[in-house]
Amino acid sequence: MTLDPLALQALNAAVLSDTLDSLGLMQQAMKPFVRPLDDSLQLIGRARTGVYMPVYAPPAGGENPYEVEIALVDDLAPGDVVVLACDGPTDRIAPWGELLSTACAARGAAGCVTDGLVRDVRQIREMRFAVFAGGIGPLDTKGRARMVDRDVPAMCAGVTVRRGDLVFGDVDGVVVIPREAEQEVVRRALEKVSGENRSREALQRGEKLADVFRRLGIL
């Protein structure tokens, strides 16, 4: 299904999380340690996953420790979101930085989510590229971790993410909408936003919260 980007921009992570809950999908919000580098940015796109594992020594000889990572980035399409599973929270795996952000932005990718660390934060913020991460640290992955697979189901910050799932992030956090449920989730979420707008207007007029909730059932 093709989703209207403008309609999606009217949504927010909290509304989407509530909507997913209402459908019994209650494990779709990433753990709260994953935070945006820039609170003002919204992230919307299709997941492209990468899975990391720790290593404990530098690569031998001419081995390229970034091979799978490079292949993923070079294969991105417009609107893709890189989702990197590092078994976070972690204090030793920083898979993301400025140059990867630059390569992704050049391909029209929407952003990156990782439960690992991110570095080159000042440069990424200046780019206004949407990155959500489990922390900030200067460590390179070389000799500490490597991407072992891509475009496979991955557990990132407590959520199973599959290639093509809809990823939405804002200052409230990151939610992942399974592709098979996204049409119903987005439809219901847009209805909820409309209801919240009516509730807000009623409360601003001075109506009592109990009366507004009784009439609209939204809180």
N, C-alpha and C. Protein backbone atom coordinates (compact mmCIF):
# COMPACT_ATOMS: atom_id res chain seq x y z
N MET A 1 0.84 -1.20 0.00
CA MET A 1 0.00 0.00 0.00
C MET A 1 0.87 1.24 0.00
N THR A 2 0.51 2.22 -0.81
CA THR A 2 1.20 3.50 -0.82
C THR A 2 0.53 4.43 0.19
N LEU A 3 1.32 4.94 1.11
CA LEU A 3 0.79 5.81 2.14
C LEU A 3 1.06 7.26 1.78
N ASP A 4 0.14 8.14 2.14
CA ASP A 4 0.28 9.56 1.87
C ASP A 4 1.25 10.16 2.89
N PRO A 5 2.43 10.63 2.44
CA PRO A 5 3.40 11.19 3.39
C PRO A 5 2.85 12.36 4.20
N LEU A 6 2.01 13.19 3.58
CA LEU A 6 1.45 14.33 4.30
C LEU A 6 0.52 13.87 5.41
N ALA A 7 -0.25 12.80 5.15
CA ALA A 7 -1.14 12.27 6.18
C ALA A 7 -0.32 11.71 7.33
N LEU A 8 0.76 11.02 7.03
CA LEU A 8 1.60 10.45 8.08
C LEU A 8 2.23 11.54 8.93
N GLN A 9 2.57 12.67 8.34
CA GLN A 9 3.18 13.76 9.10
C GLN A 9 2.23 14.34 10.13
N ALA A 10 0.93 14.13 9.95
CA ALA A 10 -0.05 14.62 10.92
C ALA A 10 -0.12 13.74 12.16
N LEU A 11 0.55 12.58 12.12
CA LEU A 11 0.50 11.64 13.23
C LEU A 11 1.64 11.90 14.21
N ASN A 12 1.63 11.17 15.30
CA ASN A 12 2.72 11.23 16.27
C ASN A 12 2.89 9.86 16.91
N ALA A 13 4.03 9.67 17.55
CA ALA A 13 4.35 8.35 18.09
C ALA A 13 3.35 7.91 19.15
N ALA A 14 2.88 8.84 19.97
CA ALA A 14 1.94 8.47 21.04
C ALA A 14 0.63 7.95 20.48
N VAL A 15 0.09 8.64 19.48
CA VAL A 15 -1.16 8.20 18.86
C VAL A 15 -0.98 6.85 18.18
N LEU A 16 0.13 6.69 17.49
CA LEU A 16 0.37 5.40 16.83
C LEU A 16 0.53 4.28 17.85
N SER A 17 1.20 4.55 18.95
CA SER A 17 1.35 3.53 19.99
C SER A 17 -0.01 3.15 20.57
N ASP A 18 -0.85 4.14 20.84
CA ASP A 18 -2.19 3.85 21.36
C ASP A 18 -2.99 3.01 20.36
N THR A 19 -2.86 3.35 19.09
CA THR A 19 -3.61 2.62 18.06
C THR A 19 -3.12 1.19 17.94
N LEU A 20 -1.83 1.00 17.97
CA LEU A 20 -1.28 -0.35 17.94
C LEU A 20 -1.77 -1.15 19.15
N ASP A 21 -1.77 -0.52 20.33
CA ASP A 21 -2.28 -1.18 21.54
C ASP A 21 -3.72 -1.64 21.33
N SER A 22 -4.52 -0.78 20.72
CA SER A 22 -5.95 -1.10 20.54
C SER A 22 -6.17 -2.30 19.64
N LEU A 23 -5.17 -2.62 18.82
CA LEU A 23 -5.24 -3.77 17.93
C LEU A 23 -4.52 -4.98 18.51
N GLY A 24 -4.10 -4.88 19.77
CA GLY A 24 -3.41 -5.98 20.40
C GLY A 24 -1.93 -6.06 20.08
N LEU A 25 -1.40 -5.05 19.41
CA LEU A 25 0.02 -5.01 19.06
C LEU A 25 0.73 -4.13 20.08
N MET A 26 1.05 -4.71 21.24
CA MET A 26 1.48 -3.93 22.40
C MET A 26 2.98 -3.94 22.63
N GLN A 27 3.74 -4.48 21.67
CA GLN A 27 5.19 -4.52 21.81
C GLN A 27 5.87 -3.79 20.65
N GLN A 28 5.28 -2.71 20.20
CA GLN A 28 5.77 -2.03 18.99
C GLN A 28 6.48 -0.71 19.26
N ALA A 29 6.53 -0.29 20.51
CA ALA A 29 7.25 0.94 20.86
C ALA A 29 8.63 0.57 21.39
N MET A 30 9.67 1.17 20.82
CA MET A 30 11.02 0.88 21.27
C MET A 30 11.23 1.39 22.69
N LYS A 31 12.12 0.73 23.40
CA LYS A 31 12.41 1.11 24.78
C LYS A 31 12.87 2.58 24.84
N PRO A 32 12.56 3.26 25.93
CA PRO A 32 12.73 4.71 25.97
C PRO A 32 14.17 5.20 25.98
N PHE A 33 15.15 4.32 26.08
CA PHE A 33 16.52 4.80 26.00
C PHE A 33 16.91 5.19 24.57
N VAL A 34 16.12 4.82 23.59
CA VAL A 34 16.38 5.25 22.20
C VAL A 34 15.78 6.64 22.02
N ARG A 35 16.63 7.63 21.80
CA ARG A 35 16.21 9.03 21.74
C ARG A 35 16.71 9.70 20.47
N PRO A 36 15.99 10.73 20.01
CA PRO A 36 16.42 11.47 18.82
C PRO A 36 17.61 12.38 19.12
N LEU A 37 18.49 12.52 18.14
CA LEU A 37 19.55 13.52 18.27
C LEU A 37 18.98 14.93 18.17
N ASP A 38 17.88 15.08 17.45
CA ASP A 38 17.25 16.38 17.26
C ASP A 38 15.76 16.21 17.55
N ASP A 39 15.30 16.80 18.66
CA ASP A 39 13.91 16.64 19.08
C ASP A 39 12.91 17.20 18.06
N SER A 40 13.36 18.08 17.18
CA SER A 40 12.43 18.73 16.27
C SER A 40 12.14 17.91 15.02
N LEU A 41 12.89 16.83 14.80
CA LEU A 41 12.75 16.07 13.56
C LEU A 41 11.78 14.90 13.74
N GLN A 42 11.08 14.62 12.67
CA GLN A 42 10.17 13.48 12.60
C GLN A 42 10.77 12.47 11.62
N LEU A 43 10.65 11.20 11.93
CA LEU A 43 11.20 10.14 11.09
C LEU A 43 10.08 9.23 10.62
N ILE A 44 9.97 9.07 9.30
CA ILE A 44 8.94 8.21 8.70
C ILE A 44 9.58 7.47 7.54
N GLY A 45 9.51 6.15 7.54
CA GLY A 45 10.05 5.42 6.40
C GLY A 45 9.98 3.92 6.59
N ARG A 46 10.53 3.22 5.60
CA ARG A 46 10.51 1.76 5.56
C ARG A 46 11.81 1.19 6.12
N ALA A 47 11.68 0.17 6.95
CA ALA A 47 12.83 -0.39 7.64
C ALA A 47 13.74 -1.18 6.70
N ARG A 48 15.05 -0.94 6.86
CA ARG A 48 16.10 -1.79 6.30
C ARG A 48 17.00 -2.17 7.47
N THR A 49 17.05 -3.42 7.81
CA THR A 49 17.66 -3.83 9.06
C THR A 49 19.11 -4.30 8.91
N GLY A 50 19.87 -4.11 9.98
CA GLY A 50 21.21 -4.65 10.10
C GLY A 50 21.40 -5.18 11.50
N VAL A 51 22.05 -6.33 11.62
CA VAL A 51 22.26 -6.97 12.91
C VAL A 51 23.75 -7.00 13.23
N TYR A 52 24.10 -6.52 14.43
CA TYR A 52 25.49 -6.48 14.87
C TYR A 52 25.75 -7.55 15.94
N MET A 53 26.98 -8.01 15.98
CA MET A 53 27.44 -8.86 17.07
C MET A 53 28.77 -8.32 17.58
N PRO A 54 29.06 -8.49 18.86
CA PRO A 54 30.34 -8.00 19.38
C PRO A 54 31.51 -8.85 18.89
N VAL A 55 32.65 -8.21 18.71
CA VAL A 55 33.92 -8.90 18.49
C VAL A 55 34.91 -8.33 19.50
N TYR A 56 36.02 -9.02 19.66
CA TYR A 56 36.93 -8.65 20.74
C TYR A 56 38.37 -8.49 20.28
N ALA A 57 38.54 -8.33 18.94
CA ALA A 57 39.88 -8.11 18.41
C ALA A 57 39.74 -7.45 17.04
N PRO A 58 40.73 -6.65 16.62
CA PRO A 58 40.69 -6.06 15.28
C PRO A 58 40.68 -7.15 14.21
N PRO A 59 40.13 -6.84 13.02
CA PRO A 59 40.11 -7.83 11.94
C PRO A 59 41.53 -8.18 11.50
N ALA A 60 41.67 -9.39 10.99
CA ALA A 60 42.98 -9.85 10.55
C ALA A 60 43.24 -9.45 9.11
N GLY A 61 44.50 -9.19 8.81
CA GLY A 61 44.93 -8.96 7.44
C GLY A 61 44.15 -7.88 6.74
N GLY A 62 43.70 -8.17 5.51
CA GLY A 62 42.98 -7.18 4.70
C GLY A 62 41.48 -7.29 4.83
N GLU A 63 41.00 -7.97 5.86
CA GLU A 63 39.55 -8.14 6.04
C GLU A 63 38.87 -6.80 6.25
N ASN A 64 37.74 -6.62 5.58
CA ASN A 64 36.98 -5.38 5.68
C ASN A 64 35.87 -5.56 6.72
N PRO A 65 35.99 -4.95 7.89
CA PRO A 65 34.98 -5.16 8.93
C PRO A 65 33.67 -4.44 8.65
N TYR A 66 33.64 -3.59 7.63
CA TYR A 66 32.45 -2.80 7.32
C TYR A 66 31.70 -3.33 6.09
N GLU A 67 32.07 -4.50 5.59
CA GLU A 67 31.57 -4.98 4.30
C GLU A 67 30.05 -5.04 4.24
N VAL A 68 29.42 -5.66 5.22
CA VAL A 68 27.95 -5.81 5.19
C VAL A 68 27.28 -4.46 5.40
N GLU A 69 27.84 -3.65 6.26
CA GLU A 69 27.32 -2.30 6.52
C GLU A 69 27.34 -1.45 5.25
N ILE A 70 28.45 -1.49 4.54
CA ILE A 70 28.57 -0.72 3.30
C ILE A 70 27.55 -1.20 2.27
N ALA A 71 27.39 -2.53 2.15
CA ALA A 71 26.43 -3.08 1.19
C ALA A 71 25.01 -2.61 1.50
N LEU A 72 24.66 -2.56 2.78
CA LEU A 72 23.32 -2.08 3.15
C LEU A 72 23.14 -0.63 2.76
N VAL A 73 24.07 0.22 3.12
CA VAL A 73 23.94 1.65 2.82
C VAL A 73 23.90 1.90 1.32
N ASP A 74 24.74 1.22 0.56
CA ASP A 74 24.77 1.44 -0.89
C ASP A 74 23.51 0.94 -1.58
N ASP A 75 22.71 0.10 -0.91
CA ASP A 75 21.49 -0.45 -1.50
C ASP A 75 20.24 0.29 -1.07
N LEU A 76 20.38 1.37 -0.31
CA LEU A 76 19.21 2.08 0.19
C LEU A 76 18.45 2.77 -0.93
N ALA A 77 17.14 2.86 -0.73
CA ALA A 77 16.26 3.58 -1.65
C ALA A 77 15.65 4.77 -0.93
N PRO A 78 15.12 5.74 -1.67
CA PRO A 78 14.46 6.88 -1.02
C PRO A 78 13.38 6.42 -0.05
N GLY A 79 13.38 7.04 1.13
CA GLY A 79 12.39 6.72 2.14
C GLY A 79 12.76 5.58 3.06
N ASP A 80 13.88 4.93 2.82
CA ASP A 80 14.30 3.84 3.70
C ASP A 80 14.79 4.39 5.05
N VAL A 81 14.61 3.59 6.09
CA VAL A 81 15.14 3.89 7.41
C VAL A 81 16.07 2.75 7.82
N VAL A 82 17.31 3.06 8.09
CA VAL A 82 18.25 2.05 8.56
C VAL A 82 17.95 1.75 10.02
N VAL A 83 17.74 0.47 10.34
CA VAL A 83 17.47 0.04 11.71
C VAL A 83 18.57 -0.94 12.11
N LEU A 84 19.40 -0.53 13.06
CA LEU A 84 20.57 -1.30 13.43
C LEU A 84 20.40 -1.88 14.83
N ALA A 85 20.37 -3.20 14.90
CA ALA A 85 20.17 -3.91 16.15
C ALA A 85 21.52 -4.28 16.75
N CYS A 86 21.81 -3.73 17.92
CA CYS A 86 23.10 -3.92 18.59
C CYS A 86 22.96 -4.55 19.96
N ASP A 87 21.78 -5.10 20.25
CA ASP A 87 21.50 -5.69 21.57
C ASP A 87 21.70 -4.64 22.66
N GLY A 88 21.26 -3.41 22.37
CA GLY A 88 21.45 -2.33 23.33
C GLY A 88 20.47 -2.39 24.48
N PRO A 89 20.71 -1.60 25.53
CA PRO A 89 21.74 -0.55 25.59
C PRO A 89 23.16 -1.13 25.69
N THR A 90 24.08 -0.42 25.07
CA THR A 90 25.46 -0.87 25.02
C THR A 90 26.38 0.33 25.21
N ASP A 91 27.57 0.06 25.73
CA ASP A 91 28.54 1.15 25.87
C ASP A 91 29.75 0.94 24.96
N ARG A 92 29.66 -0.02 24.01
CA ARG A 92 30.83 -0.30 23.20
C ARG A 92 30.55 -0.35 21.69
N ILE A 93 29.29 -0.30 21.27
CA ILE A 93 28.99 -0.41 19.85
C ILE A 93 28.39 0.91 19.35
N ALA A 94 29.14 1.63 18.54
CA ALA A 94 28.68 2.88 17.94
C ALA A 94 28.68 2.71 16.42
N PRO A 95 27.61 2.16 15.86
CA PRO A 95 27.63 1.83 14.44
C PRO A 95 27.34 2.99 13.51
N TRP A 96 27.02 4.17 14.04
CA TRP A 96 26.53 5.24 13.16
C TRP A 96 27.29 6.53 13.40
N GLY A 97 27.51 7.27 12.30
CA GLY A 97 28.20 8.55 12.39
C GLY A 97 27.91 9.43 11.18
N GLU A 98 28.73 10.45 11.02
CA GLU A 98 28.48 11.48 10.01
C GLU A 98 28.56 10.93 8.59
N LEU A 99 29.58 10.14 8.26
CA LEU A 99 29.76 9.71 6.88
C LEU A 99 28.65 8.77 6.44
N LEU A 100 28.21 7.89 7.31
CA LEU A 100 27.07 7.04 6.96
C LEU A 100 25.80 7.88 6.79
N SER A 101 25.63 8.88 7.63
CA SER A 101 24.48 9.78 7.48
C SER A 101 24.54 10.50 6.14
N THR A 102 25.72 10.95 5.77
CA THR A 102 25.88 11.65 4.50
C THR A 102 25.54 10.74 3.32
N ALA A 103 26.04 9.50 3.36
CA ALA A 103 25.76 8.55 2.28
C ALA A 103 24.26 8.25 2.19
N CYS A 104 23.62 8.10 3.35
CA CYS A 104 22.18 7.82 3.36
C CYS A 104 21.37 8.99 2.84
N ALA A 105 21.72 10.19 3.29
CA ALA A 105 20.99 11.38 2.84
C ALA A 105 21.11 11.55 1.33
N ALA A 106 22.28 11.24 0.76
CA ALA A 106 22.49 11.36 -0.68
C ALA A 106 21.60 10.40 -1.47
N ARG A 107 21.19 9.31 -0.84
CA ARG A 107 20.33 8.33 -1.50
C ARG A 107 18.85 8.56 -1.18
N GLY A 108 18.56 9.61 -0.45
CA GLY A 108 17.17 9.92 -0.13
C GLY A 108 16.61 9.13 1.02
N ALA A 109 17.47 8.43 1.77
CA ALA A 109 16.99 7.68 2.93
C ALA A 109 16.45 8.64 3.98
N ALA A 110 15.52 8.14 4.79
CA ALA A 110 14.82 9.00 5.73
C ALA A 110 15.55 9.18 7.05
N GLY A 111 16.38 8.19 7.45
CA GLY A 111 17.06 8.32 8.72
C GLY A 111 17.58 6.99 9.21
N CYS A 112 17.97 6.98 10.48
CA CYS A 112 18.54 5.79 11.11
C CYS A 112 18.00 5.66 12.53
N VAL A 113 17.75 4.40 12.92
CA VAL A 113 17.42 4.07 14.30
C VAL A 113 18.36 2.97 14.75
N THR A 114 18.95 3.12 15.91
CA THR A 114 19.79 2.07 16.46
C THR A 114 19.67 2.04 17.97
N ASP A 115 19.76 0.84 18.54
CA ASP A 115 19.84 0.74 20.00
C ASP A 115 21.30 0.73 20.45
N GLY A 116 22.21 0.97 19.51
CA GLY A 116 23.60 1.20 19.84
C GLY A 116 23.88 2.68 19.99
N LEU A 117 25.15 3.03 19.92
CA LEU A 117 25.57 4.42 20.09
C LEU A 117 25.72 5.12 18.74
N VAL A 118 25.80 6.43 18.80
CA VAL A 118 26.06 7.23 17.60
C VAL A 118 27.13 8.25 17.95
N ARG A 119 27.93 8.61 16.94
CA ARG A 119 28.97 9.61 17.14
C ARG A 119 28.89 10.67 16.04
N ASP A 120 29.78 11.65 16.07
CA ASP A 120 29.74 12.78 15.12
C ASP A 120 28.42 13.53 15.24
N VAL A 121 27.97 13.70 16.45
CA VAL A 121 26.63 14.22 16.70
C VAL A 121 26.47 15.65 16.19
N ARG A 122 27.46 16.50 16.40
CA ARG A 122 27.33 17.89 15.96
C ARG A 122 27.11 17.95 14.45
N GLN A 123 27.89 17.18 13.70
CA GLN A 123 27.76 17.21 12.25
C GLN A 123 26.41 16.68 11.79
N ILE A 124 25.93 15.61 12.43
CA ILE A 124 24.64 15.05 12.04
C ILE A 124 23.51 16.04 12.33
N ARG A 125 23.61 16.71 13.47
CA ARG A 125 22.58 17.71 13.78
C ARG A 125 22.59 18.84 12.78
N GLU A 126 23.77 19.26 12.35
CA GLU A 126 23.85 20.32 11.35
C GLU A 126 23.24 19.88 10.02
N MET A 127 23.33 18.59 9.71
CA MET A 127 22.72 18.05 8.48
C MET A 127 21.21 17.98 8.57
N ARG A 128 20.67 17.98 9.81
CA ARG A 128 19.24 17.75 10.07
C ARG A 128 18.80 16.41 9.46
N PHE A 129 19.64 15.41 9.69
CA PHE A 129 19.32 14.05 9.31
C PHE A 129 18.78 13.34 10.55
N ALA A 130 17.64 12.68 10.40
CA ALA A 130 16.95 12.10 11.56
C ALA A 130 17.66 10.83 12.03
N VAL A 131 18.23 10.89 13.23
CA VAL A 131 18.89 9.73 13.83
C VAL A 131 18.36 9.56 15.26
N PHE A 132 17.96 8.33 15.57
CA PHE A 132 17.52 7.96 16.91
C PHE A 132 18.47 6.89 17.41
N ALA A 133 19.02 7.07 18.60
CA ALA A 133 20.08 6.18 19.06
C ALA A 133 19.94 5.89 20.55
N GLY A 134 20.62 4.80 20.97
CA GLY A 134 20.59 4.40 22.35
C GLY A 134 21.60 5.11 23.22
N GLY A 135 22.36 6.01 22.63
CA GLY A 135 23.35 6.76 23.39
C GLY A 135 24.34 7.42 22.45
N ILE A 136 25.26 8.17 23.03
CA ILE A 136 26.28 8.90 22.28
C ILE A 136 27.65 8.47 22.79
N GLY A 137 28.56 8.18 21.88
CA GLY A 137 29.91 7.80 22.27
C GLY A 137 30.84 7.84 21.06
N PRO A 138 32.13 7.99 21.29
CA PRO A 138 33.08 8.18 20.19
C PRO A 138 33.62 6.89 19.59
N LEU A 139 33.25 5.72 20.12
CA LEU A 139 33.91 4.48 19.74
C LEU A 139 33.57 4.03 18.32
N ASP A 140 34.59 3.63 17.58
CA ASP A 140 34.38 2.98 16.29
C ASP A 140 33.99 1.52 16.54
N THR A 141 33.26 0.92 15.61
CA THR A 141 32.91 -0.49 15.76
C THR A 141 34.11 -1.41 15.46
N LYS A 142 35.08 -0.93 14.74
CA LYS A 142 36.22 -1.78 14.35
C LYS A 142 36.89 -2.36 15.59
N GLY A 143 36.99 -3.68 15.63
CA GLY A 143 37.57 -4.35 16.78
C GLY A 143 36.63 -4.50 17.95
N ARG A 144 35.39 -4.01 17.82
CA ARG A 144 34.40 -4.10 18.90
C ARG A 144 33.12 -4.79 18.47
N ALA A 145 32.73 -4.58 17.20
CA ALA A 145 31.49 -5.18 16.70
C ALA A 145 31.53 -5.18 15.17
N ARG A 146 30.64 -5.98 14.60
CA ARG A 146 30.51 -5.95 13.14
C ARG A 146 29.09 -6.34 12.76
N MET A 147 28.61 -5.80 11.64
CA MET A 147 27.31 -6.21 11.11
C MET A 147 27.47 -7.57 10.46
N VAL A 148 26.64 -8.52 10.91
CA VAL A 148 26.76 -9.89 10.43
C VAL A 148 25.66 -10.27 9.44
N ASP A 149 24.58 -9.47 9.37
CA ASP A 149 23.51 -9.77 8.42
C ASP A 149 22.70 -8.52 8.19
N ARG A 150 21.98 -8.49 7.08
CA ARG A 150 21.14 -7.34 6.77
C ARG A 150 19.83 -7.80 6.16
N ASP A 151 18.82 -6.94 6.30
CA ASP A 151 17.48 -7.19 5.75
C ASP A 151 16.87 -8.49 6.28
N VAL A 152 17.19 -8.80 7.52
CA VAL A 152 16.59 -9.95 8.22
C VAL A 152 15.81 -9.42 9.41
N PRO A 153 14.86 -10.20 9.96
CA PRO A 153 14.18 -9.75 11.17
C PRO A 153 15.20 -9.47 12.27
N ALA A 154 15.03 -8.34 12.93
CA ALA A 154 16.01 -7.90 13.94
C ALA A 154 15.28 -7.37 15.16
N MET A 155 15.83 -7.64 16.32
CA MET A 155 15.29 -7.11 17.58
C MET A 155 16.05 -5.85 17.94
N CYS A 156 15.38 -4.71 17.87
CA CYS A 156 16.01 -3.43 18.17
C CYS A 156 15.24 -2.76 19.29
N ALA A 157 15.91 -2.56 20.42
CA ALA A 157 15.31 -1.89 21.58
C ALA A 157 13.98 -2.50 21.97
N GLY A 158 13.90 -3.83 21.91
CA GLY A 158 12.71 -4.54 22.37
C GLY A 158 11.64 -4.77 21.34
N VAL A 159 11.85 -4.33 20.10
CA VAL A 159 10.84 -4.48 19.05
C VAL A 159 11.43 -5.31 17.90
N THR A 160 10.67 -6.29 17.45
CA THR A 160 11.07 -7.04 16.27
C THR A 160 10.75 -6.21 15.04
N VAL A 161 11.77 -5.97 14.21
CA VAL A 161 11.63 -5.13 13.02
C VAL A 161 11.96 -5.98 11.80
N ARG A 162 11.10 -5.91 10.80
CA ARG A 162 11.31 -6.63 9.55
C ARG A 162 11.45 -5.64 8.40
N ARG A 163 12.18 -6.05 7.39
CA ARG A 163 12.34 -5.18 6.22
C ARG A 163 10.97 -4.77 5.69
N GLY A 164 10.80 -3.49 5.44
CA GLY A 164 9.55 -2.98 4.90
C GLY A 164 8.56 -2.52 5.94
N ASP A 165 8.77 -2.85 7.23
CA ASP A 165 7.89 -2.31 8.26
C ASP A 165 7.97 -0.79 8.26
N LEU A 166 6.87 -0.17 8.67
CA LEU A 166 6.82 1.29 8.75
C LEU A 166 7.41 1.75 10.08
N VAL A 167 8.43 2.60 10.02
CA VAL A 167 9.09 3.13 11.21
C VAL A 167 8.71 4.59 11.37
N PHE A 168 8.26 4.94 12.57
CA PHE A 168 7.85 6.32 12.86
C PHE A 168 8.55 6.76 14.14
N GLY A 169 9.22 7.89 14.09
CA GLY A 169 9.88 8.41 15.27
C GLY A 169 9.67 9.91 15.43
N ASP A 170 9.52 10.34 16.67
CA ASP A 170 9.49 11.76 16.98
C ASP A 170 10.01 11.91 18.42
N VAL A 171 9.81 13.06 19.00
CA VAL A 171 10.38 13.33 20.32
C VAL A 171 9.85 12.38 21.40
N ASP A 172 8.70 11.76 21.17
CA ASP A 172 8.14 10.83 22.14
C ASP A 172 8.75 9.43 22.03
N GLY A 173 9.43 9.13 20.93
CA GLY A 173 10.03 7.82 20.77
C GLY A 173 9.81 7.24 19.39
N VAL A 174 10.09 5.94 19.27
CA VAL A 174 10.02 5.25 17.99
C VAL A 174 9.02 4.11 18.09
N VAL A 175 8.12 4.03 17.12
CA VAL A 175 7.21 2.89 17.01
C VAL A 175 7.40 2.25 15.65
N VAL A 176 7.14 0.94 15.61
CA VAL A 176 7.29 0.16 14.39
C VAL A 176 5.95 -0.48 14.07
N ILE A 177 5.44 -0.23 12.87
CA ILE A 177 4.14 -0.73 12.45
C ILE A 177 4.36 -1.88 11.47
N PRO A 178 3.97 -3.10 11.83
CA PRO A 178 4.12 -4.21 10.89
C PRO A 178 3.40 -3.92 9.58
N ARG A 179 4.04 -4.29 8.49
CA ARG A 179 3.51 -3.92 7.19
C ARG A 179 2.10 -4.45 6.98
N GLU A 180 1.83 -5.64 7.50
CA GLU A 180 0.51 -6.24 7.27
C GLU A 180 -0.60 -5.52 8.03
N ALA A 181 -0.24 -4.70 9.01
CA ALA A 181 -1.25 -4.00 9.81
C ALA A 181 -1.30 -2.51 9.52
N GLU A 182 -0.43 -2.01 8.67
CA GLU A 182 -0.26 -0.56 8.61
C GLU A 182 -1.48 0.17 8.08
N GLN A 183 -2.22 -0.41 7.15
CA GLN A 183 -3.39 0.30 6.60
C GLN A 183 -4.40 0.58 7.70
N GLU A 184 -4.70 -0.44 8.51
CA GLU A 184 -5.67 -0.26 9.58
C GLU A 184 -5.12 0.66 10.68
N VAL A 185 -3.85 0.52 11.00
CA VAL A 185 -3.24 1.35 12.04
C VAL A 185 -3.29 2.82 11.64
N VAL A 186 -2.88 3.12 10.42
CA VAL A 186 -2.85 4.52 9.99
C VAL A 186 -4.26 5.09 9.92
N ARG A 187 -5.21 4.30 9.42
CA ARG A 187 -6.60 4.79 9.34
C ARG A 187 -7.12 5.14 10.73
N ARG A 188 -6.92 4.23 11.67
CA ARG A 188 -7.42 4.48 13.03
C ARG A 188 -6.66 5.62 13.70
N ALA A 189 -5.38 5.72 13.44
CA ALA A 189 -4.58 6.78 14.06
C ALA A 189 -5.03 8.15 13.57
N LEU A 190 -5.33 8.27 12.29
CA LEU A 190 -5.81 9.55 11.76
C LEU A 190 -7.16 9.91 12.39
N GLU A 191 -8.01 8.92 12.58
CA GLU A 191 -9.29 9.17 13.25
C GLU A 191 -9.06 9.63 14.69
N LYS A 192 -8.10 9.03 15.36
CA LYS A 192 -7.80 9.41 16.75
C LYS A 192 -7.26 10.83 16.83
N VAL A 193 -6.40 11.21 15.89
CA VAL A 193 -5.90 12.58 15.86
C VAL A 193 -7.05 13.56 15.71
N SER A 194 -7.98 13.24 14.82
CA SER A 194 -9.15 14.11 14.64
C SER A 194 -9.95 14.22 15.93
N GLY A 195 -10.14 13.10 16.62
CA GLY A 195 -10.86 13.12 17.89
C GLY A 195 -10.12 13.90 18.96
N GLU A 196 -8.80 13.76 19.01
CA GLU A 196 -8.01 14.51 19.98
C GLU A 196 -8.12 16.01 19.73
N ASN A 197 -8.17 16.39 18.46
CA ASN A 197 -8.33 17.81 18.13
C ASN A 197 -9.66 18.34 18.66
N ARG A 198 -10.72 17.55 18.52
CA ARG A 198 -12.03 17.97 19.04
C ARG A 198 -12.01 18.04 20.56
N SER A 199 -11.34 17.07 21.18
CA SER A 199 -11.24 17.09 22.64
C SER A 199 -10.49 18.32 23.12
N ARG A 200 -9.40 18.64 22.46
CA ARG A 200 -8.59 19.80 22.85
C ARG A 200 -9.41 21.09 22.75
N GLU A 201 -10.15 21.21 21.65
CA GLU A 201 -10.96 22.42 21.45
C GLU A 201 -12.02 22.54 22.55
N ALA A 202 -12.63 21.42 22.93
CA ALA A 202 -13.64 21.45 23.98
C ALA A 202 -13.03 21.83 25.33
N LEU A 203 -11.85 21.28 25.62
CA LEU A 203 -11.18 21.61 26.88
C LEU A 203 -10.76 23.07 26.91
N GLN A 204 -10.32 23.58 25.77
CA GLN A 204 -9.93 25.00 25.70
C GLN A 204 -11.13 25.92 25.91
N ARG A 205 -12.33 25.43 25.57
CA ARG A 205 -13.55 26.21 25.81
C ARG A 205 -13.96 26.18 27.28
N GLY A 206 -13.28 25.34 28.06
CA GLY A 206 -13.57 25.27 29.49
C GLY A 206 -14.45 24.11 29.91
N GLU A 207 -14.77 23.21 28.98
CA GLU A 207 -15.58 22.06 29.35
C GLU A 207 -14.79 21.17 30.32
N LYS A 208 -15.51 20.47 31.19
CA LYS A 208 -14.87 19.59 32.14
C LYS A 208 -14.32 18.34 31.44
N LEU A 209 -13.17 17.89 31.93
CA LEU A 209 -12.52 16.73 31.32
C LEU A 209 -13.43 15.51 31.34
N ALA A 210 -14.15 15.31 32.46
CA ALA A 210 -15.04 14.15 32.55
C ALA A 210 -16.12 14.19 31.49
N ASP A 211 -16.65 15.39 31.23
CA ASP A 211 -17.71 15.52 30.22
C ASP A 211 -17.16 15.26 28.82
N VAL A 212 -15.99 15.79 28.56
CA VAL A 212 -15.39 15.60 27.23
C VAL A 212 -15.05 14.12 27.01
N PHE A 213 -14.50 13.48 28.02
CA PHE A 213 -14.18 12.07 27.88
C PHE A 213 -15.43 11.23 27.70
N ARG A 214 -16.48 11.56 28.44
CA ARG A 214 -17.74 10.82 28.32
C ARG A 214 -18.30 10.92 26.90
N ARG A 215 -18.17 12.10 26.31
CA ARG A 215 -18.73 12.31 24.97
C ARG A 215 -17.85 11.73 23.86
N LEU A 216 -16.53 11.91 23.97
CA LEU A 216 -15.63 11.53 22.88
C LEU A 216 -14.80 10.28 23.14
N GLY A 217 -14.65 9.93 24.43
CA GLY A 217 -13.92 8.72 24.77
C GLY A 217 -12.45 8.76 24.45
N ILE A 218 -11.85 9.95 24.46
CA ILE A 218 -10.44 10.11 24.12
C ILE A 218 -9.73 10.85 25.22
N LEU A 219 -8.57 10.32 25.62
CA LEU A 219 -7.80 10.97 26.66
C LEU A 219 -6.31 10.86 26.33
